[in-house]
PDB file of all heavy atoms in Angstrom:
ATOM      1  N   LEU A   1     -61.033 196.698 183.831  1.00  0.00           N
ATOM      2  CA  LEU A   1     -60.584 196.740 185.229  1.00  0.00           C
ATOM      3  C   LEU A   1     -59.574 195.635 185.524  1.00  0.00           C
ATOM      4  O   LEU A   1     -58.604 195.845 186.258  1.00  0.00           O
ATOM      5  CB  LEU A   1     -61.783 196.623 186.166  1.00  0.00           C
ATOM      6  CG  LEU A   1     -61.526 196.947 187.645  1.00  0.00           C
ATOM      7  CD1 LEU A   1     -60.994 198.367 187.795  1.00  0.00           C
ATOM      8  CD2 LEU A   1     -62.788 196.747 188.473  1.00  0.00           C
ATOM      9  N   GLU A   2     -59.788 194.457 184.941  1.00  0.00           N
ATOM     10  CA  GLU A   2     -58.853 193.345 185.149  1.00  0.00           C
ATOM     11  C   GLU A   2     -57.486 193.680 184.560  1.00  0.00           C
ATOM     12  O   GLU A   2     -56.446 193.399 185.167  1.00  0.00           O
ATOM     13  CB  GLU A   2     -59.413 192.070 184.513  1.00  0.00           C
ATOM     14  CG  GLU A   2     -58.506 190.863 184.594  1.00  0.00           C
ATOM     15  CD  GLU A   2     -58.318 190.313 185.999  1.00  0.00           C
ATOM     16  OE1 GLU A   2     -59.084 190.688 186.907  1.00  0.00           O
ATOM     17  OE2 GLU A   2     -57.393 189.504 186.180  1.00  0.00           O
ATOM     18  N   LEU A   3     -57.476 194.289 183.380  1.00  0.00           N
ATOM     19  CA  LEU A   3     -56.207 194.700 182.766  1.00  0.00           C
ATOM     20  C   LEU A   3     -55.480 195.704 183.655  1.00  0.00           C
ATOM     21  O   LEU A   3     -54.260 195.647 183.803  1.00  0.00           O
ATOM     22  CB  LEU A   3     -56.450 195.341 181.394  1.00  0.00           C
ATOM     23  CG  LEU A   3     -56.735 194.428 180.204  1.00  0.00           C
ATOM     24  CD1 LEU A   3     -56.995 195.281 178.973  1.00  0.00           C
ATOM     25  CD2 LEU A   3     -55.584 193.473 179.948  1.00  0.00           C
ATOM     26  N   TYR A   4     -56.234 196.619 184.222  1.00  0.00           N
ATOM     27  CA  TYR A   4     -55.647 197.678 185.046  1.00  0.00           C
ATOM     28  C   TYR A   4     -55.102 197.115 186.351  1.00  0.00           C
ATOM     29  O   TYR A   4     -54.003 197.467 186.789  1.00  0.00           O
ATOM     30  CB  TYR A   4     -56.712 198.744 185.336  1.00  0.00           C
ATOM     31  CG  TYR A   4     -56.170 200.019 185.933  1.00  0.00           C
ATOM     32  CD1 TYR A   4     -55.632 201.021 185.119  1.00  0.00           C
ATOM     33  CD2 TYR A   4     -56.207 200.235 187.299  1.00  0.00           C
ATOM     34  CE1 TYR A   4     -55.144 202.199 185.655  1.00  0.00           C
ATOM     35  CE2 TYR A   4     -55.722 201.416 187.844  1.00  0.00           C
ATOM     36  CZ  TYR A   4     -55.192 202.392 187.023  1.00  0.00           C
ATOM     37  OH  TYR A   4     -54.703 203.558 187.549  1.00  0.00           O
ATOM     38  N   ASP A   5     -55.887 196.215 186.967  1.00  0.00           N
ATOM     39  CA  ASP A   5     -55.506 195.701 188.289  1.00  0.00           C
ATOM     40  C   ASP A   5     -54.523 194.537 188.239  1.00  0.00           C
ATOM     41  O   ASP A   5     -53.724 194.362 189.154  1.00  0.00           O
ATOM     42  CB  ASP A   5     -56.760 195.241 189.053  1.00  0.00           C
ATOM     43  CG  ASP A   5     -57.608 196.404 189.529  1.00  0.00           C
ATOM     44  OD1 ASP A   5     -57.076 197.531 189.592  1.00  0.00           O
ATOM     45  OD2 ASP A   5     -58.790 196.185 189.832  1.00  0.00           O
ATOM     46  N   ASN A   6     -54.594 193.727 187.171  1.00  0.00           N
ATOM     47  CA  ASN A   6     -53.767 192.520 187.108  1.00  0.00           C
ATOM     48  C   ASN A   6     -53.096 192.340 185.747  1.00  0.00           C
ATOM     49  O   ASN A   6     -53.377 191.373 185.027  1.00  0.00           O
ATOM     50  CB  ASN A   6     -54.613 191.274 187.423  1.00  0.00           C
ATOM     51  CG  ASN A   6     -55.077 191.246 188.852  1.00  0.00           C
ATOM     52  OD1 ASN A   6     -54.272 191.241 189.780  1.00  0.00           O
ATOM     53  ND2 ASN A   6     -56.383 191.230 189.048  1.00  0.00           N
ATOM     54  N   PRO A   7     -52.239 193.279 185.348  1.00  0.00           N
ATOM     55  CA  PRO A   7     -51.531 193.103 184.067  1.00  0.00           C
ATOM     56  C   PRO A   7     -50.625 191.875 184.130  1.00  0.00           C
ATOM     57  O   PRO A   7     -49.966 191.636 185.145  1.00  0.00           O
ATOM     58  CB  PRO A   7     -50.716 194.397 183.934  1.00  0.00           C
ATOM     59  CG  PRO A   7     -50.546 194.885 185.344  1.00  0.00           C
ATOM     60  CD  PRO A   7     -51.790 194.481 186.074  1.00  0.00           C
ATOM     61  N   LEU A   8     -50.581 191.116 183.036  1.00  0.00           N
ATOM     62  CA  LEU A   8     -49.809 189.874 183.035  1.00  0.00           C
ATOM     63  C   LEU A   8     -48.333 190.085 182.745  1.00  0.00           C
ATOM     64  O   LEU A   8     -47.518 189.193 182.975  1.00  0.00           O
ATOM     65  CB  LEU A   8     -50.388 188.898 181.996  1.00  0.00           C
ATOM     66  CG  LEU A   8     -51.777 188.330 182.309  1.00  0.00           C
ATOM     67  CD1 LEU A   8     -52.199 187.344 181.226  1.00  0.00           C
ATOM     68  CD2 LEU A   8     -51.797 187.669 183.685  1.00  0.00           C
ATOM     69  N   ASN A   9     -47.970 191.252 182.204  1.00  0.00           N
ATOM     70  CA  ASN A   9     -46.554 191.504 181.927  1.00  0.00           C
ATOM     71  C   ASN A   9     -46.256 193.004 181.951  1.00  0.00           C
ATOM     72  O   ASN A   9     -47.173 193.832 182.082  1.00  0.00           O
ATOM     73  CB  ASN A   9     -46.131 190.872 180.593  1.00  0.00           C
ATOM     74  CG  ASN A   9     -46.954 191.368 179.410  1.00  0.00           C
ATOM     75  OD1 ASN A   9     -47.242 192.545 179.291  1.00  0.00           O
ATOM     76  ND2 ASN A   9     -47.334 190.446 178.526  1.00  0.00           N
ATOM     77  N   VAL A  10     -44.997 193.320 181.831  1.00  0.00           N
ATOM     78  CA  VAL A  10     -44.535 194.718 181.904  1.00  0.00           C
ATOM     79  C   VAL A  10     -45.162 195.573 180.806  1.00  0.00           C
ATOM     80  O   VAL A  10     -45.539 196.728 181.038  1.00  0.00           O
ATOM     81  CB  VAL A  10     -42.989 194.775 181.815  1.00  0.00           C
ATOM     82  CG1 VAL A  10     -42.512 196.194 181.552  1.00  0.00           C
ATOM     83  CG2 VAL A  10     -42.364 194.271 183.113  1.00  0.00           C
ATOM     84  N   PHE A  11     -45.308 194.999 179.600  1.00  0.00           N
ATOM     85  CA  PHE A  11     -45.856 195.792 178.499  1.00  0.00           C
ATOM     86  C   PHE A  11     -47.285 196.233 178.790  1.00  0.00           C
ATOM     87  O   PHE A  11     -47.630 197.407 178.652  1.00  0.00           O
ATOM     88  CB  PHE A  11     -45.810 195.010 177.189  1.00  0.00           C
ATOM     89  CG  PHE A  11     -46.439 195.766 176.048  1.00  0.00           C
ATOM     90  CD1 PHE A  11     -45.750 196.793 175.429  1.00  0.00           C
ATOM     91  CD2 PHE A  11     -47.737 195.484 175.637  1.00  0.00           C
ATOM     92  CE1 PHE A  11     -46.350 197.530 174.410  1.00  0.00           C
ATOM     93  CE2 PHE A  11     -48.337 196.202 174.622  1.00  0.00           C
ATOM     94  CZ  PHE A  11     -47.640 197.226 174.005  1.00  0.00           C
ATOM     95  N   VAL A  12     -48.130 195.302 179.196  1.00  0.00           N
ATOM     96  CA  VAL A  12     -49.525 195.637 179.497  1.00  0.00           C
ATOM     97  C   VAL A  12     -49.586 196.630 180.650  1.00  0.00           C
ATOM     98  O   VAL A  12     -50.357 197.595 180.624  1.00  0.00           O
ATOM     99  CB  VAL A  12     -50.331 194.369 179.826  1.00  0.00           C
ATOM    100  CG1 VAL A  12     -51.757 194.732 180.246  1.00  0.00           C
ATOM    101  CG2 VAL A  12     -50.366 193.423 178.633  1.00  0.00           C
ATOM    102  N   ALA A  13     -48.757 196.416 181.662  1.00  0.00           N
ATOM    103  CA  ALA A  13     -48.735 197.312 182.820  1.00  0.00           C
ATOM    104  C   ALA A  13     -48.397 198.739 182.413  1.00  0.00           C
ATOM    105  O   ALA A  13     -49.012 199.703 182.892  1.00  0.00           O
ATOM    106  CB  ALA A  13     -47.716 196.803 183.845  1.00  0.00           C
ATOM    107  N   GLY A  14     -47.415 198.898 181.530  1.00  0.00           N
ATOM    108  CA  GLY A  14     -46.982 200.222 181.117  1.00  0.00           C
ATOM    109  C   GLY A  14     -47.889 200.858 180.089  1.00  0.00           C
ATOM    110  O   GLY A  14     -47.927 202.087 179.952  1.00  0.00           O
ATOM    111  N   PHE A  15     -48.648 200.023 179.350  1.00  0.00           N
ATOM    112  CA  PHE A  15     -49.489 200.563 178.273  1.00  0.00           C
ATOM    113  C   PHE A  15     -50.862 200.990 178.782  1.00  0.00           C
ATOM    114  O   PHE A  15     -51.422 201.983 178.321  1.00  0.00           O
ATOM    115  CB  PHE A  15     -49.645 199.522 177.164  1.00  0.00           C
ATOM    116  CG  PHE A  15     -50.271 200.074 175.914  1.00  0.00           C
ATOM    117  CD1 PHE A  15     -49.509 200.777 174.991  1.00  0.00           C
ATOM    118  CD2 PHE A  15     -51.629 199.923 175.674  1.00  0.00           C
ATOM    119  CE1 PHE A  15     -50.092 201.318 173.853  1.00  0.00           C
ATOM    120  CE2 PHE A  15     -52.220 200.457 174.538  1.00  0.00           C
ATOM    121  CZ  PHE A  15     -51.441 201.156 173.626  1.00  0.00           C
ATOM    122  N   ILE A  16     -51.414 200.223 179.714  1.00  0.00           N
ATOM    123  CA  ILE A  16     -52.765 200.503 180.214  1.00  0.00           C
ATOM    124  C   ILE A  16     -52.684 201.419 181.432  1.00  0.00           C
ATOM    125  O   ILE A  16     -52.021 201.121 182.414  1.00  0.00           O
ATOM    126  CB  ILE A  16     -53.486 199.193 180.584  1.00  0.00           C
ATOM    127  CG1 ILE A  16     -53.681 198.314 179.346  1.00  0.00           C
ATOM    128  CG2 ILE A  16     -54.814 199.481 181.259  1.00  0.00           C
ATOM    129  CD1 ILE A  16     -54.567 198.905 178.271  1.00  0.00           C
ATOM    130  N   GLY A  17     -53.394 202.534 181.345  1.00  0.00           N
ATOM    131  CA  GLY A  17     -53.400 203.499 182.441  1.00  0.00           C
ATOM    132  C   GLY A  17     -52.826 204.833 182.004  1.00  0.00           C
ATOM    133  O   GLY A  17     -51.870 204.884 181.232  1.00  0.00           O
ATOM    134  N   SER A  18     -53.440 205.918 182.474  1.00  0.00           N
ATOM    135  CA  SER A  18     -52.954 207.252 182.127  1.00  0.00           C
ATOM    136  C   SER A  18     -53.081 208.167 183.351  1.00  0.00           C
ATOM    137  O   SER A  18     -54.194 208.406 183.835  1.00  0.00           O
ATOM    138  CB  SER A  18     -53.770 207.828 180.963  1.00  0.00           C
ATOM    139  OG  SER A  18     -53.310 209.100 180.601  1.00  0.00           O
ATOM    140  N   PRO A  19     -51.942 208.651 183.893  1.00  0.00           N
ATOM    141  CA  PRO A  19     -50.555 208.363 183.510  1.00  0.00           C
ATOM    142  C   PRO A  19     -50.223 206.878 183.691  1.00  0.00           C
ATOM    143  O   PRO A  19     -50.907 206.174 184.419  1.00  0.00           O
ATOM    144  CB  PRO A  19     -49.724 209.217 184.480  1.00  0.00           C
ATOM    145  CG  PRO A  19     -50.674 210.241 185.017  1.00  0.00           C
ATOM    146  CD  PRO A  19     -52.007 209.589 185.034  1.00  0.00           C
ATOM    147  N   ALA A  20     -49.165 206.459 183.021  1.00  0.00           N
ATOM    148  CA  ALA A  20     -48.797 205.052 183.026  1.00  0.00           C
ATOM    149  C   ALA A  20     -48.287 204.613 184.396  1.00  0.00           C
ATOM    150  O   ALA A  20     -47.866 205.427 185.226  1.00  0.00           O
ATOM    151  CB  ALA A  20     -47.718 204.800 181.975  1.00  0.00           C
ATOM    152  N   MET A  21     -48.331 203.292 184.605  1.00  0.00           N
ATOM    153  CA  MET A  21     -47.773 202.725 185.826  1.00  0.00           C
ATOM    154  C   MET A  21     -46.279 203.039 185.895  1.00  0.00           C
ATOM    155  O   MET A  21     -45.577 203.006 184.885  1.00  0.00           O
ATOM    156  CB  MET A  21     -47.976 201.198 185.829  1.00  0.00           C
ATOM    157  CG  MET A  21     -47.404 200.501 187.064  1.00  0.00           C
ATOM    158  SD  MET A  21     -47.525 198.689 186.980  1.00  0.00           S
ATOM    159  CE  MET A  21     -49.266 198.434 187.254  1.00  0.00           C
ATOM    160  N   ASN A  22     -45.793 203.362 187.096  1.00  0.00           N
ATOM    161  CA  ASN A  22     -44.352 203.530 187.310  1.00  0.00           C
ATOM    162  C   ASN A  22     -43.703 202.151 187.325  1.00  0.00           C
ATOM    163  O   ASN A  22     -44.118 201.276 188.089  1.00  0.00           O
ATOM    164  CB  ASN A  22     -44.101 204.231 188.650  1.00  0.00           C
ATOM    165  CG  ASN A  22     -44.651 205.643 188.676  1.00  0.00           C
ATOM    166  OD1 ASN A  22     -44.100 206.547 188.074  1.00  0.00           O
ATOM    167  ND2 ASN A  22     -45.767 205.831 189.383  1.00  0.00           N
ATOM    168  N   LEU A  23     -42.705 201.949 186.495  1.00  0.00           N
ATOM    169  CA  LEU A  23     -41.978 200.681 186.436  1.00  0.00           C
ATOM    170  C   LEU A  23     -40.524 200.967 186.797  1.00  0.00           C
ATOM    171  O   LEU A  23     -39.799 201.631 186.040  1.00  0.00           O
ATOM    172  CB  LEU A  23     -42.084 200.068 185.035  1.00  0.00           C
ATOM    173  CG  LEU A  23     -43.513 199.678 184.619  1.00  0.00           C
ATOM    174  CD1 LEU A  23     -43.579 199.371 183.130  1.00  0.00           C
ATOM    175  CD2 LEU A  23     -44.005 198.482 185.436  1.00  0.00           C
ATOM    176  N   ILE A  24     -40.107 200.482 187.964  1.00  0.00           N
ATOM    177  CA  ILE A  24     -38.801 200.849 188.528  1.00  0.00           C
ATOM    178  C   ILE A  24     -38.012 199.582 188.836  1.00  0.00           C
ATOM    179  O   ILE A  24     -38.514 198.672 189.506  1.00  0.00           O
ATOM    180  CB  ILE A  24     -38.979 201.659 189.839  1.00  0.00           C
ATOM    181  CG1 ILE A  24     -40.028 202.773 189.652  1.00  0.00           C
ATOM    182  CG2 ILE A  24     -37.660 202.235 190.303  1.00  0.00           C
ATOM    183  CD1 ILE A  24     -40.556 203.355 190.949  1.00  0.00           C
ATOM    184  N   ASP A  25     -36.783 199.533 188.343  1.00  0.00           N
ATOM    185  CA  ASP A  25     -35.917 198.375 188.606  1.00  0.00           C
ATOM    186  C   ASP A  25     -35.254 198.510 189.975  1.00  0.00           C
ATOM    187  O   ASP A  25     -34.871 199.607 190.385  1.00  0.00           O
ATOM    188  CB  ASP A  25     -34.837 198.252 187.531  1.00  0.00           C
ATOM    189  CG  ASP A  25     -35.417 197.919 186.168  1.00  0.00           C
ATOM    190  OD1 ASP A  25     -36.547 197.399 186.126  1.00  0.00           O
ATOM    191  OD2 ASP A  25     -34.742 198.169 185.149  1.00  0.00           O
ATOM    192  N   GLY A  26     -35.125 197.380 190.665  1.00  0.00           N
ATOM    193  CA  GLY A  26     -34.471 197.396 191.972  1.00  0.00           C
ATOM    194  C   GLY A  26     -33.845 196.055 192.293  1.00  0.00           C
ATOM    195  O   GLY A  26     -34.137 195.032 191.662  1.00  0.00           O
ATOM    196  N   LYS A  27     -32.983 196.051 193.276  1.00  0.00           N
ATOM    197  CA  LYS A  27     -32.243 194.854 193.678  1.00  0.00           C
ATOM    198  C   LYS A  27     -33.003 194.088 194.759  1.00  0.00           C
ATOM    199  O   LYS A  27     -33.567 194.681 195.680  1.00  0.00           O
ATOM    200  CB  LYS A  27     -30.862 195.270 194.209  1.00  0.00           C
ATOM    201  CG  LYS A  27     -29.955 194.119 194.581  1.00  0.00           C
ATOM    202  CD  LYS A  27     -28.612 194.644 195.082  1.00  0.00           C
ATOM    203  CE  LYS A  27     -27.685 193.496 195.483  1.00  0.00           C
ATOM    204  NZ  LYS A  27     -26.396 194.003 196.017  1.00  0.00           N
ATOM    205  N   ILE A  28     -33.029 192.758 194.632  1.00  0.00           N
ATOM    206  CA  ILE A  28     -33.687 191.921 195.634  1.00  0.00           C
ATOM    207  C   ILE A  28     -32.867 191.929 196.926  1.00  0.00           C
ATOM    208  O   ILE A  28     -31.666 191.655 196.914  1.00  0.00           O
ATOM    209  CB  ILE A  28     -33.841 190.473 195.130  1.00  0.00           C
ATOM    210  CG1 ILE A  28     -34.748 190.425 193.903  1.00  0.00           C
ATOM    211  CG2 ILE A  28     -34.426 189.573 196.227  1.00  0.00           C
ATOM    212  CD1 ILE A  28     -34.862 189.048 193.270  1.00  0.00           C
ATOM    213  N   VAL A  29     -33.539 192.275 198.027  1.00  0.00           N
ATOM    214  CA  VAL A  29     -32.897 192.270 199.349  1.00  0.00           C
ATOM    215  C   VAL A  29     -33.853 191.596 200.325  1.00  0.00           C
ATOM    216  O   VAL A  29     -34.980 191.234 199.972  1.00  0.00           O
ATOM    217  CB  VAL A  29     -32.561 193.702 199.822  1.00  0.00           C
ATOM    218  CG1 VAL A  29     -31.525 194.351 198.922  1.00  0.00           C
ATOM    219  CG2 VAL A  29     -33.832 194.557 199.891  1.00  0.00           C
ATOM    220  N   GLU A  30     -33.405 191.430 201.553  1.00  0.00           N
ATOM    221  CA  GLU A  30     -34.259 190.834 202.580  1.00  0.00           C
ATOM    222  C   GLU A  30     -35.518 191.695 202.779  1.00  0.00           C
ATOM    223  O   GLU A  30     -35.439 192.890 203.052  1.00  0.00           O
ATOM    224  CB  GLU A  30     -33.495 190.744 203.906  1.00  0.00           C
ATOM    225  CG  GLU A  30     -34.287 190.093 205.030  1.00  0.00           C
ATOM    226  CD  GLU A  30     -34.626 188.634 204.760  1.00  0.00           C
ATOM    227  OE1 GLU A  30     -33.829 187.950 204.055  1.00  0.00           O
ATOM    228  OE2 GLU A  30     -35.677 188.184 205.231  1.00  0.00           O
ATOM    229  N   GLY A  31     -36.693 191.080 202.562  1.00  0.00           N
ATOM    230  CA  GLY A  31     -37.954 191.784 202.806  1.00  0.00           C
ATOM    231  C   GLY A  31     -38.535 192.508 201.608  1.00  0.00           C
ATOM    232  O   GLY A  31     -39.638 193.049 201.698  1.00  0.00           O
ATOM    233  N   GLY A  32     -37.811 192.534 200.492  1.00  0.00           N
ATOM    234  CA  GLY A  32     -38.383 193.222 199.337  1.00  0.00           C
ATOM    235  C   GLY A  32     -37.387 193.544 198.251  1.00  0.00           C
ATOM    236  O   GLY A  32     -36.431 192.800 198.014  1.00  0.00           O
ATOM    237  N   VAL A  33     -37.605 194.678 197.598  1.00  0.00           N
ATOM    238  CA  VAL A  33     -36.760 195.121 196.487  1.00  0.00           C
ATOM    239  C   VAL A  33     -36.273 196.524 196.794  1.00  0.00           C
ATOM    240  O   VAL A  33     -37.070 197.432 197.070  1.00  0.00           O
ATOM    241  CB  VAL A  33     -37.546 195.108 195.155  1.00  0.00           C
ATOM    242  CG1 VAL A  33     -36.699 195.670 194.026  1.00  0.00           C
ATOM    243  CG2 VAL A  33     -38.009 193.686 194.816  1.00  0.00           C
ATOM    244  N   GLN A  34     -34.954 196.712 196.781  1.00  0.00           N
ATOM    245  CA  GLN A  34     -34.384 198.010 197.135  1.00  0.00           C
ATOM    246  C   GLN A  34     -34.378 198.937 195.931  1.00  0.00           C
ATOM    247  O   GLN A  34     -33.826 198.629 194.883  1.00  0.00           O
ATOM    248  CB  GLN A  34     -32.954 197.839 197.657  1.00  0.00           C
ATOM    249  CG  GLN A  34     -32.365 199.154 198.165  1.00  0.00           C
ATOM    250  CD  GLN A  34     -31.037 198.959 198.869  1.00  0.00           C
ATOM    251  OE1 GLN A  34     -30.670 197.845 199.227  1.00  0.00           O
ATOM    252  NE2 GLN A  34     -30.318 200.053 199.065  1.00  0.00           N
ATOM    253  N   VAL A  35     -35.016 200.096 196.118  1.00  0.00           N
ATOM    254  CA  VAL A  35     -35.051 201.140 195.095  1.00  0.00           C
ATOM    255  C   VAL A  35     -34.491 202.403 195.740  1.00  0.00           C
ATOM    256  O   VAL A  35     -35.076 202.938 196.693  1.00  0.00           O
ATOM    257  CB  VAL A  35     -36.486 201.386 194.596  1.00  0.00           C
ATOM    258  CG1 VAL A  35     -36.495 202.530 193.585  1.00  0.00           C
ATOM    259  CG2 VAL A  35     -37.067 200.128 193.974  1.00  0.00           C
ATOM    260  N   GLY A  36     -33.347 202.855 195.277  1.00  0.00           N
ATOM    261  CA  GLY A  36     -32.687 203.978 195.926  1.00  0.00           C
ATOM    262  C   GLY A  36     -32.274 203.572 197.329  1.00  0.00           C
ATOM    263  O   GLY A  36     -31.660 202.525 197.531  1.00  0.00           O
ATOM    264  N   ASP A  37     -32.662 204.365 198.328  1.00  0.00           N
ATOM    265  CA  ASP A  37     -32.323 204.043 199.716  1.00  0.00           C
ATOM    266  C   ASP A  37     -33.515 203.442 200.465  1.00  0.00           C
ATOM    267  O   ASP A  37     -33.525 203.378 201.692  1.00  0.00           O
ATOM    268  CB  ASP A  37     -31.818 205.287 200.446  1.00  0.00           C
ATOM    269  CG  ASP A  37     -32.857 206.413 200.478  1.00  0.00           C
ATOM    270  OD1 ASP A  37     -33.967 206.211 199.907  1.00  0.00           O
ATOM    271  OD2 ASP A  37     -32.563 207.471 201.047  1.00  0.00           O
ATOM    272  N   PHE A  38     -34.543 202.998 199.715  1.00  0.00           N
ATOM    273  CA  PHE A  38     -35.751 202.471 200.336  1.00  0.00           C
ATOM    274  C   PHE A  38     -36.022 201.045 199.852  1.00  0.00           C
ATOM    275  O   PHE A  38     -35.828 200.731 198.678  1.00  0.00           O
ATOM    276  CB  PHE A  38     -36.944 203.368 199.993  1.00  0.00           C
ATOM    277  CG  PHE A  38     -38.258 202.879 200.538  1.00  0.00           C
ATOM    278  CD1 PHE A  38     -38.517 202.882 201.898  1.00  0.00           C
ATOM    279  CD2 PHE A  38     -39.254 202.416 199.678  1.00  0.00           C
ATOM    280  CE1 PHE A  38     -39.733 202.435 202.404  1.00  0.00           C
ATOM    281  CE2 PHE A  38     -40.461 201.969 200.179  1.00  0.00           C
ATOM    282  CZ  PHE A  38     -40.707 201.982 201.544  1.00  0.00           C
ATOM    283  N   THR A  39     -36.456 200.188 200.747  1.00  0.00           N
ATOM    284  CA  THR A  39     -36.830 198.827 200.386  1.00  0.00           C
ATOM    285  C   THR A  39     -38.343 198.738 200.218  1.00  0.00           C
ATOM    286  O   THR A  39     -39.092 198.897 201.185  1.00  0.00           O
ATOM    287  CB  THR A  39     -36.379 197.811 201.459  1.00  0.00           C
ATOM    288  OG1 THR A  39     -34.956 197.859 201.571  1.00  0.00           O
ATOM    289  CG2 THR A  39     -36.802 196.401 201.074  1.00  0.00           C
ATOM    290  N   VAL A  40     -38.765 198.522 198.968  1.00  0.00           N
ATOM    291  CA  VAL A  40     -40.195 198.353 198.684  1.00  0.00           C
ATOM    292  C   VAL A  40     -40.616 196.979 199.206  1.00  0.00           C
ATOM    293  O   VAL A  40     -40.038 195.964 198.808  1.00  0.00           O
ATOM    294  CB  VAL A  40     -40.480 198.449 197.167  1.00  0.00           C
ATOM    295  CG1 VAL A  40     -41.963 198.217 196.887  1.00  0.00           C
ATOM    296  CG2 VAL A  40     -40.045 199.814 196.630  1.00  0.00           C
TER     297      VAL A  40
END
């Protein structure tokens, strides 16, 4: 459960879980990270 909830890096995050965690790159903007036309 700790691995699933608190992965320490991108590899663990993408490896643990089925289907895998979505890993999406985005640009830092005011209030969060912009992915497409939405700010996470």
